[in-house]
Amino acid sequence: MADYGANVTRVNGNYEASLAACKADAAAHGWHIISDTSWDGYRDIPLLIMAGYTLIGREVIDQLGAETLTHCFLPVGVGGLASGVVAPLWQHMNENLPSMISVESHMSACFLESIAAQTPTLVDITQETLMAGLSCGEVSQLAWELLQPSLRHCLAIDDAAVAPLMARFADGTIAGVPIEAGECATSGLAALLAAKQDPQCWQNLGFNSDSVILLIGSEGATDADIYAELTSLGQN
């Protein structure tokens, strides 16, 4: 963003600390906040951003034929992107909605904790995951309203598979063609592979030989240096 003229202010703290600083600066200077997370009194702009994310779900319906889907792994930070995938699928399939599975870092599993508590629950992030887009400690109010009734399962993973999967995507091992997959884009496959290693988890998630599974590649090389470093590490 700095390349396009933005002034970037770094905050000593986690995502919630940076959001609090953003709110304070906006209030002090009369600035508008553009954010995909929502809270009481701030819903219109996040709703528009979530509407943009629905393009992913609509493309799935057009290209794959959603009726074939049985499971969908959703990378979840505050929940905006995941909601954008779920909304058109739910609208299209109604009670036949596939099994929606959220995937988070165990360091910032705010949706898993919130679903368990049945109310939005703040997670104090003390350690940052490599999957920076998933490093969020509080769910978006709008996303909670949509995901709370539609998620079938919530999974939390560690960072161990991030670099190896980024490398395997990049060299074409996984898909047969090179795919530029960033850190968060590995989360669904990492969760799927971890579940495959746990027979009880595999059974609980309802997988079998007929399962058709959707994985969401949420981003590419958002930081060229980090992408190069992780893909290199993943080759070792």
C-alpha atoms as a PDB file:
ATOM      1  CA  MET A   1       0.000   0.000   0.000  1.00  0.00           C
ATOM      2  CA  ALA A   2       2.942   2.284   0.653  1.00  0.00           C
ATOM      3  CA  ASP A   3       3.890   1.971  -3.034  1.00  0.00           C
ATOM      4  CA  TYR A   4       0.565   3.632  -3.841  1.00  0.00           C
ATOM      5  CA  GLY A   5       1.181   6.530  -1.468  1.00  0.00           C
ATOM      6  CA  ALA A   6      -0.318   5.269   1.785  1.00  0.00           C
ATOM      7  CA  ASN A   7       1.234   6.151   5.137  1.00  0.00           C
ATOM      8  CA  VAL A   8       1.683   2.880   7.029  1.00  0.00           C
ATOM      9  CA  THR A   9       1.622   3.038  10.822  1.00  0.00           C
ATOM     10  CA  ARG A  10       2.902  -0.043  12.627  1.00  0.00           C
ATOM     11  CA  VAL A  11       1.347  -0.893  15.990  1.00  0.00           C
ATOM     12  CA  ASN A  12       3.170  -2.763  18.734  1.00  0.00           C
ATOM     13  CA  GLY A  13       0.557  -5.421  19.355  1.00  0.00           C
ATOM     14  CA  ASN A  14      -1.799  -7.930  17.750  1.00  0.00           C
ATOM     15  CA  TYR A  15      -4.646  -7.462  15.260  1.00  0.00           C
ATOM     16  CA  GLU A  16      -7.069  -6.205  17.891  1.00  0.00           C
ATOM     17  CA  ALA A  17      -4.516  -3.647  19.104  1.00  0.00           C
ATOM     18  CA  SER A  18      -4.039  -2.345  15.559  1.00  0.00           C
ATOM     19  CA  LEU A  19      -7.815  -2.126  15.055  1.00  0.00           C
ATOM     20  CA  ALA A  20      -8.186  -0.186  18.302  1.00  0.00           C
ATOM     21  CA  ALA A  21      -5.469   2.233  17.174  1.00  0.00           C
ATOM     22  CA  CYS A  22      -7.206   2.608  13.800  1.00  0.00           C
ATOM     23  CA  LYS A  23     -10.520   3.416  15.482  1.00  0.00           C
ATOM     24  CA  ALA A  24      -8.844   5.984  17.746  1.00  0.00           C
ATOM     25  CA  ASP A  25      -7.059   7.693  14.844  1.00  0.00           C
ATOM     26  CA  ALA A  26     -10.233   7.743  12.745  1.00  0.00           C
ATOM     27  CA  ALA A  27     -12.205   9.322  15.584  1.00  0.00           C
ATOM     28  CA  ALA A  28      -9.495  11.904  16.244  1.00  0.00           C
ATOM     29  CA  HIS A  29      -9.095  12.978  12.607  1.00  0.00           C
ATOM     30  CA  GLY A  30     -12.569  12.396  11.174  1.00  0.00           C
ATOM     31  CA  TRP A  31     -11.336   9.597   8.910  1.00  0.00           C
ATOM     32  CA  HIS A  32     -13.379   6.761   7.430  1.00  0.00           C
ATOM     33  CA  ILE A  33     -12.492   3.183   8.405  1.00  0.00           C
ATOM     34  CA  ILE A  34     -12.428   0.614   5.603  1.00  0.00           C
ATOM     35  CA  SER A  35     -12.456  -2.784   7.273  1.00  0.00           C
ATOM     36  CA  ASP A  36     -13.901  -6.232   6.590  1.00  0.00           C
ATOM     37  CA  THR A  37     -14.615  -6.816  10.260  1.00  0.00           C
ATOM     38  CA  SER A  38     -17.771  -5.375  11.818  1.00  0.00           C
ATOM     39  CA  TRP A  39     -19.032  -4.300  15.217  1.00  0.00           C
ATOM     40  CA  ASP A  40     -21.997  -2.418  16.716  1.00  0.00           C
ATOM     41  CA  GLY A  41     -22.525   0.715  14.640  1.00  0.00           C
ATOM     42  CA  TYR A  42     -20.106  -0.342  11.888  1.00  0.00           C
ATOM     43  CA  ARG A  43     -21.723  -2.743   9.433  1.00  0.00           C
ATOM     44  CA  ASP A  44     -22.291  -1.100   6.023  1.00  0.00           C
ATOM     45  CA  ILE A  45     -18.738  -1.209   4.658  1.00  0.00           C
ATOM     46  CA  PRO A  46     -17.964  -4.728   5.944  1.00  0.00           C
ATOM     47  CA  LEU A  47     -21.231  -5.890   4.369  1.00  0.00           C
ATOM     48  CA  LEU A  48     -20.123  -4.514   0.990  1.00  0.00           C
ATOM     49  CA  ILE A  49     -16.740  -6.244   1.331  1.00  0.00           C
ATOM     50  CA  MET A  50     -18.445  -9.530   2.216  1.00  0.00           C
ATOM     51  CA  ALA A  51     -20.675  -9.075  -0.833  1.00  0.00           C
ATOM     52  CA  GLY A  52     -17.513  -8.864  -2.923  1.00  0.00           C
ATOM     53  CA  TYR A  53     -16.292 -12.148  -1.466  1.00  0.00           C
ATOM     54  CA  THR A  54     -19.516 -13.841  -2.615  1.00  0.00           C
ATOM     55  CA  LEU A  55     -18.013 -13.875  -6.108  1.00  0.00           C
ATOM     56  CA  ILE A  56     -15.973 -16.886  -4.922  1.00  0.00           C
ATOM     57  CA  GLY A  57     -19.081 -18.819  -3.953  1.00  0.00           C
ATOM     58  CA  ARG A  58     -20.885 -17.887  -7.161  1.00  0.00           C
ATOM     59  CA  GLU A  59     -17.923 -19.031  -9.267  1.00  0.00           C
ATOM     60  CA  VAL A  60     -17.950 -22.366  -7.414  1.00  0.00           C
ATOM     61  CA  ILE A  61     -21.619 -22.809  -8.300  1.00  0.00           C
ATOM     62  CA  ASP A  62     -21.036 -21.859 -11.948  1.00  0.00           C
ATOM     63  CA  GLN A  63     -17.851 -23.851 -12.512  1.00  0.00           C
ATOM     64  CA  LEU A  64     -18.172 -26.882 -10.249  1.00  0.00           C
ATOM     65  CA  GLY A  65     -21.868 -27.313  -9.795  1.00  0.00           C
ATOM     66  CA  ALA A  66     -22.390 -26.945  -6.063  1.00  0.00           C
ATOM     67  CA  GLU A  67     -24.744 -29.917  -5.899  1.00  0.00           C
ATOM     68  CA  THR A  68     -21.711 -32.223  -6.112  1.00  0.00           C
ATOM     69  CA  LEU A  69     -20.022 -30.731  -3.046  1.00  0.00           C
ATOM     70  CA  THR A  70     -20.019 -32.573   0.255  1.00  0.00           C
ATOM     71  CA  HIS A  71     -17.455 -30.569   2.272  1.00  0.00           C
ATOM     72  CA  CYS A  72     -15.914 -27.094   2.201  1.00  0.00           C
ATOM     73  CA  PHE A  73     -12.864 -25.956   4.190  1.00  0.00           C
ATOM     74  CA  LEU A  74     -13.096 -22.253   5.005  1.00  0.00           C
ATOM     75  CA  PRO A  75     -10.052 -20.223   6.104  1.00  0.00           C
ATOM     76  CA  VAL A  76     -11.301 -18.009   8.925  1.00  0.00           C
ATOM     77  CA  GLY A  77      -9.818 -14.841  10.354  1.00  0.00           C
ATOM     78  CA  VAL A  78     -12.642 -12.492  11.364  1.00  0.00           C
ATOM     79  CA  GLY A  79     -14.927 -14.505   9.081  1.00  0.00           C
ATOM     80  CA  GLY A  80     -15.657 -12.121   6.203  1.00  0.00           C
ATOM     81  CA  LEU A  81     -14.240 -14.209   3.361  1.00  0.00           C
ATOM     82  CA  ALA A  82     -15.706 -17.427   4.763  1.00  0.00           C
ATOM     83  CA  SER A  83     -19.127 -15.761   4.933  1.00  0.00           C
ATOM     84  CA  GLY A  84     -18.801 -14.674   1.322  1.00  0.00           C
ATOM     85  CA  VAL A  85     -18.299 -18.303   0.307  1.00  0.00           C
ATOM     86  CA  VAL A  86     -21.076 -19.694   2.489  1.00  0.00           C
ATOM     87  CA  ALA A  87     -23.782 -17.138   1.610  1.00  0.00           C
ATOM     88  CA  PRO A  88     -24.298 -17.964  -2.097  1.00  0.00           C
ATOM     89  CA  LEU A  89     -23.881 -21.699  -1.488  1.00  0.00           C
ATOM     90  CA  TRP A  90     -26.502 -21.587   1.258  1.00  0.00           C
ATOM     91  CA  GLN A  91     -28.839 -19.521  -0.890  1.00  0.00           C
ATOM     92  CA  HIS A  92     -28.387 -21.936  -3.799  1.00  0.00           C
ATOM     93  CA  MET A  93     -28.559 -25.230  -1.876  1.00  0.00           C
ATOM     94  CA  ASN A  94     -30.692 -24.418   1.177  1.00  0.00           C
ATOM     95  CA  GLU A  95     -30.956 -27.510   3.419  1.00  0.00           C
ATOM     96  CA  ASN A  96     -28.499 -29.360   1.135  1.00  0.00           C
ATOM     97  CA  LEU A  97     -25.647 -27.031   2.109  1.00  0.00           C
ATOM     98  CA  PRO A  98     -22.379 -29.040   2.208  1.00  0.00           C
ATOM     99  CA  SER A  99     -20.573 -29.572   5.481  1.00  0.00           C
ATOM    100  CA  MET A 100     -18.949 -26.207   6.187  1.00  0.00           C
ATOM    101  CA  ILE A 101     -15.686 -26.528   8.138  1.00  0.00           C
ATOM    102  CA  SER A 102     -13.817 -23.513   9.499  1.00  0.00           C
ATOM    103  CA  VAL A 103     -10.023 -23.630   9.662  1.00  0.00           C
ATOM    104  CA  GLU A 104      -8.016 -21.379  11.992  1.00  0.00           C
ATOM    105  CA  SER A 105      -4.631 -21.225  13.595  1.00  0.00           C
ATOM    106  CA  HIS A 106      -4.625 -22.682  17.099  1.00  0.00           C
ATOM    107  CA  MET A 107      -2.951 -19.403  18.116  1.00  0.00           C
ATOM    108  CA  SER A 108      -6.022 -17.362  17.159  1.00  0.00           C
ATOM    109  CA  ALA A 109      -8.986 -19.748  17.085  1.00  0.00           C
ATOM    110  CA  CYS A 110     -11.671 -17.170  17.832  1.00  0.00           C
ATOM    111  CA  PHE A 111     -14.423 -18.929  15.859  1.00  0.00           C
ATOM    112  CA  LEU A 112     -13.728 -22.298  17.450  1.00  0.00           C
ATOM    113  CA  GLU A 113     -13.832 -20.707  20.916  1.00  0.00           C
ATOM    114  CA  SER A 114     -16.928 -18.676  20.048  1.00  0.00           C
ATOM    115  CA  ILE A 115     -18.824 -21.675  18.668  1.00  0.00           C
ATOM    116  CA  ALA A 116     -17.909 -23.668  21.772  1.00  0.00           C
ATOM    117  CA  ALA A 117     -19.151 -20.846  24.016  1.00  0.00           C
ATOM    118  CA  GLN A 118     -22.148 -20.092  21.722  1.00  0.00           C
ATOM    119  CA  THR A 119     -21.290 -16.405  21.894  1.00  0.00           C
ATOM    120  CA  PRO A 120     -18.558 -14.255  20.288  1.00  0.00           C
ATOM    121  CA  THR A 121     -15.471 -14.773  22.428  1.00  0.00           C
ATOM    122  CA  LEU A 122     -12.265 -12.725  22.322  1.00  0.00           C
ATOM    123  CA  VAL A 123      -9.005 -14.659  22.025  1.00  0.00           C
ATOM    124  CA  ASP A 124      -5.944 -12.806  23.283  1.00  0.00           C
ATOM    125  CA  ILE A 125      -3.276 -13.463  20.652  1.00  0.00           C
ATOM    126  CA  THR A 126       0.118 -13.795  22.301  1.00  0.00           C
ATOM    127  CA  GLN A 127       1.933 -15.614  19.492  1.00  0.00           C
ATOM    128  CA  GLU A 128       1.607 -14.869  15.778  1.00  0.00           C
ATOM    129  CA  THR A 129       0.930 -17.587  13.225  1.00  0.00           C
ATOM    130  CA  LEU A 130       2.654 -17.599   9.832  1.00  0.00           C
ATOM    131  CA  MET A 131      -0.884 -17.448   8.411  1.00  0.00           C
ATOM    132  CA  ALA A 132      -1.119 -13.710   9.045  1.00  0.00           C
ATOM    133  CA  GLY A 133      -4.585 -13.325   7.536  1.00  0.00           C
ATOM    134  CA  LEU A 134      -5.919 -15.793  10.106  1.00  0.00           C
ATOM    135  CA  SER A 135      -4.309 -14.014  13.055  1.00  0.00           C
ATOM    136  CA  CYS A 136      -7.498 -12.413  14.374  1.00  0.00           C
ATOM    137  CA  GLY A 137      -8.739 -12.722  17.926  1.00  0.00           C
ATOM    138  CA  GLU A 138     -12.317 -11.497  17.556  1.00  0.00           C
ATOM    139  CA  VAL A 139     -15.039 -12.520  15.118  1.00  0.00           C
ATOM    140  CA  SER A 140     -16.829 -10.044  12.886  1.00  0.00           C
ATOM    141  CA  GLN A 141     -20.375  -9.406  14.085  1.00  0.00           C
ATOM    142  CA  LEU A 142     -21.804  -9.879  10.581  1.00  0.00           C
ATOM    143  CA  ALA A 143     -19.788 -13.028   9.955  1.00  0.00           C
ATOM    144  CA  TRP A 144     -20.904 -14.507  13.265  1.00  0.00           C
ATOM    145  CA  GLU A 145     -24.542 -14.044  12.313  1.00  0.00           C
ATOM    146  CA  LEU A 146     -24.013 -16.071   9.138  1.00  0.00           C
ATOM    147  CA  LEU A 147     -21.417 -18.630  10.160  1.00  0.00           C
ATOM    148  CA  GLN A 148     -22.727 -19.542  13.613  1.00  0.00           C
ATOM    149  CA  PRO A 149     -25.785 -21.336  12.186  1.00  0.00           C
ATOM    150  CA  SER A 150     -24.031 -22.752   9.100  1.00  0.00           C
ATOM    151  CA  LEU A 151     -20.709 -24.172  10.312  1.00  0.00           C
ATOM    152  CA  ARG A 152     -20.747 -27.928  10.865  1.00  0.00           C
ATOM    153  CA  HIS A 153     -17.227 -28.226  12.321  1.00  0.00           C
ATOM    154  CA  CYS A 154     -14.402 -25.960  13.514  1.00  0.00           C
ATOM    155  CA  LEU A 155     -10.741 -26.991  13.216  1.00  0.00           C
ATOM    156  CA  ALA A 156      -7.560 -25.370  14.501  1.00  0.00           C
ATOM    157  CA  ILE A 157      -4.134 -26.196  13.053  1.00  0.00           C
ATOM    158  CA  ASP A 158      -0.504 -25.323  13.687  1.00  0.00           C
ATOM    159  CA  ASP A 159       2.033 -23.858  11.247  1.00  0.00           C
ATOM    160  CA  ALA A 160       3.986 -27.041  10.539  1.00  0.00           C
ATOM    161  CA  ALA A 161       2.500 -27.654   7.081  1.00  0.00           C
ATOM    162  CA  VAL A 162       2.554 -24.053   5.829  1.00  0.00           C
ATOM    163  CA  ALA A 163       6.007 -23.892   4.213  1.00  0.00           C
ATOM    164  CA  PRO A 164       5.999 -27.470   2.797  1.00  0.00           C
ATOM    165  CA  LEU A 165       2.565 -26.999   1.215  1.00  0.00           C
ATOM    166  CA  MET A 166       3.494 -23.594  -0.215  1.00  0.00           C
ATOM    167  CA  ALA A 167       6.505 -25.267  -1.851  1.00  0.00           C
ATOM    168  CA  ARG A 168       4.429 -28.180  -3.169  1.00  0.00           C
ATOM    169  CA  PHE A 169       1.859 -25.792  -4.628  1.00  0.00           C
ATOM    170  CA  ALA A 170       4.604 -23.689  -6.212  1.00  0.00           C
ATOM    171  CA  ASP A 171       6.402 -26.576  -7.912  1.00  0.00           C
ATOM    172  CA  GLY A 172       3.194 -28.144  -9.230  1.00  0.00           C
ATOM    173  CA  THR A 173       3.386 -31.288  -7.117  1.00  0.00           C
ATOM    174  CA  ILE A 174      -0.120 -30.839  -5.703  1.00  0.00           C
ATOM    175  CA  ALA A 175      -2.176 -29.700  -8.676  1.00  0.00           C
ATOM    176  CA  GLY A 176      -0.037 -30.704 -11.631  1.00  0.00           C
ATOM    177  CA  VAL A 177       0.508 -27.029 -12.438  1.00  0.00           C
ATOM    178  CA  PRO A 178       2.309 -24.383 -10.351  1.00  0.00           C
ATOM    179  CA  ILE A 179       0.009 -22.435  -8.037  1.00  0.00           C
ATOM    180  CA  GLU A 180       1.141 -19.330  -6.172  1.00  0.00           C
ATOM    181  CA  ALA A 181      -0.388 -20.109  -2.784  1.00  0.00           C
ATOM    182  CA  GLY A 182       0.260 -17.856   0.187  1.00  0.00           C
ATOM    183  CA  GLU A 183       0.356 -18.877   3.822  1.00  0.00           C
ATOM    184  CA  CYS A 184      -3.399 -18.825   4.497  1.00  0.00           C
ATOM    185  CA  ALA A 185      -4.096 -20.542   1.187  1.00  0.00           C
ATOM    186  CA  THR A 186      -2.499 -23.705   2.588  1.00  0.00           C
ATOM    187  CA  SER A 187      -4.849 -23.897   5.571  1.00  0.00           C
ATOM    188  CA  GLY A 188      -7.627 -25.986   4.042  1.00  0.00           C
ATOM    189  CA  LEU A 189      -5.305 -28.642   2.620  1.00  0.00           C
ATOM    190  CA  ALA A 190      -3.271 -28.662   5.847  1.00  0.00           C
ATOM    191  CA  ALA A 191      -6.450 -29.324   7.839  1.00  0.00           C
ATOM    192  CA  LEU A 192      -7.593 -32.001   5.395  1.00  0.00           C
ATOM    193  CA  LEU A 193      -4.260 -33.835   5.548  1.00  0.00           C
ATOM    194  CA  ALA A 194      -4.192 -33.612   9.345  1.00  0.00           C
ATOM    195  CA  ALA A 195      -7.723 -35.023   9.534  1.00  0.00           C
ATOM    196  CA  LYS A 196      -6.715 -37.900   7.253  1.00  0.00           C
ATOM    197  CA  GLN A 197      -4.066 -38.893   9.796  1.00  0.00           C
ATOM    198  CA  ASP A 198      -6.680 -39.139  12.566  1.00  0.00           C
ATOM    199  CA  PRO A 199      -9.241 -41.898  11.846  1.00  0.00           C
ATOM    200  CA  GLN A 200     -11.676 -40.649  14.479  1.00  0.00           C
ATOM    201  CA  CYS A 201     -11.513 -37.088  13.169  1.00  0.00           C
ATOM    202  CA  TRP A 202     -11.918 -38.353   9.599  1.00  0.00           C
ATOM    203  CA  GLN A 203     -15.032 -40.266  10.606  1.00  0.00           C
ATOM    204  CA  ASN A 204     -16.448 -37.378  12.624  1.00  0.00           C
ATOM    205  CA  LEU A 205     -16.071 -35.058   9.634  1.00  0.00           C
ATOM    206  CA  GLY A 206     -18.035 -37.532   7.521  1.00  0.00           C
ATOM    207  CA  PHE A 207     -15.482 -38.215   4.789  1.00  0.00           C
ATOM    208  CA  ASN A 208     -15.627 -41.251   2.520  1.00  0.00           C
ATOM    209  CA  SER A 209     -14.514 -42.282  -0.971  1.00  0.00           C
ATOM    210  CA  ASP A 210     -17.363 -40.297  -2.537  1.00  0.00           C
ATOM    211  CA  SER A 211     -16.577 -36.992  -0.787  1.00  0.00           C
ATOM    212  CA  VAL A 212     -16.159 -33.913  -2.986  1.00  0.00           C
ATOM    213  CA  ILE A 213     -14.129 -31.334  -1.069  1.00  0.00           C
ATOM    214  CA  LEU A 214     -13.727 -27.620  -1.802  1.00  0.00           C
ATOM    215  CA  LEU A 215     -10.539 -25.881  -0.662  1.00  0.00           C
ATOM    216  CA  ILE A 216     -10.247 -22.085  -0.781  1.00  0.00           C
ATOM    217  CA  GLY A 217      -6.965 -20.556  -1.948  1.00  0.00           C
ATOM    218  CA  SER A 218      -7.349 -17.225  -0.220  1.00  0.00           C
ATOM    219  CA  GLU A 219      -4.229 -15.345  -1.369  1.00  0.00           C
ATOM    220  CA  GLY A 220      -1.010 -15.493  -3.370  1.00  0.00           C
ATOM    221  CA  ALA A 221       2.391 -14.004  -2.568  1.00  0.00           C
ATOM    222  CA  THR A 222       1.244 -10.975  -0.603  1.00  0.00           C
ATOM    223  CA  ASP A 223       4.823 -10.432   0.580  1.00  0.00           C
ATOM    224  CA  ALA A 224       7.333 -11.490  -2.075  1.00  0.00           C
ATOM    225  CA  ASP A 225      10.243 -11.870   0.358  1.00  0.00           C
ATOM    226  CA  ILE A 226       8.311 -13.977   2.875  1.00  0.00           C
ATOM    227  CA  TYR A 227       6.842 -16.079   0.053  1.00  0.00           C
ATOM    228  CA  ALA A 228      10.305 -16.795  -1.357  1.00  0.00           C
ATOM    229  CA  GLU A 229      11.676 -17.616   2.087  1.00  0.00           C
ATOM    230  CA  LEU A 230       8.862 -20.009   3.013  1.00  0.00           C
ATOM    231  CA  THR A 231       8.754 -21.814  -0.325  1.00  0.00           C
ATOM    232  CA  SER A 232      12.520 -22.265  -0.083  1.00  0.00           C
ATOM    233  CA  LEU A 233      12.256 -23.613   3.469  1.00  0.00           C
ATOM    234  CA  GLY A 234       9.452 -25.922   2.382  1.00  0.00           C
ATOM    235  CA  GLN A 235      11.679 -27.594  -0.186  1.00  0.00           C
ATOM    236  CA  ASN A 236      14.064 -28.796   2.508  1.00  0.00           C
END
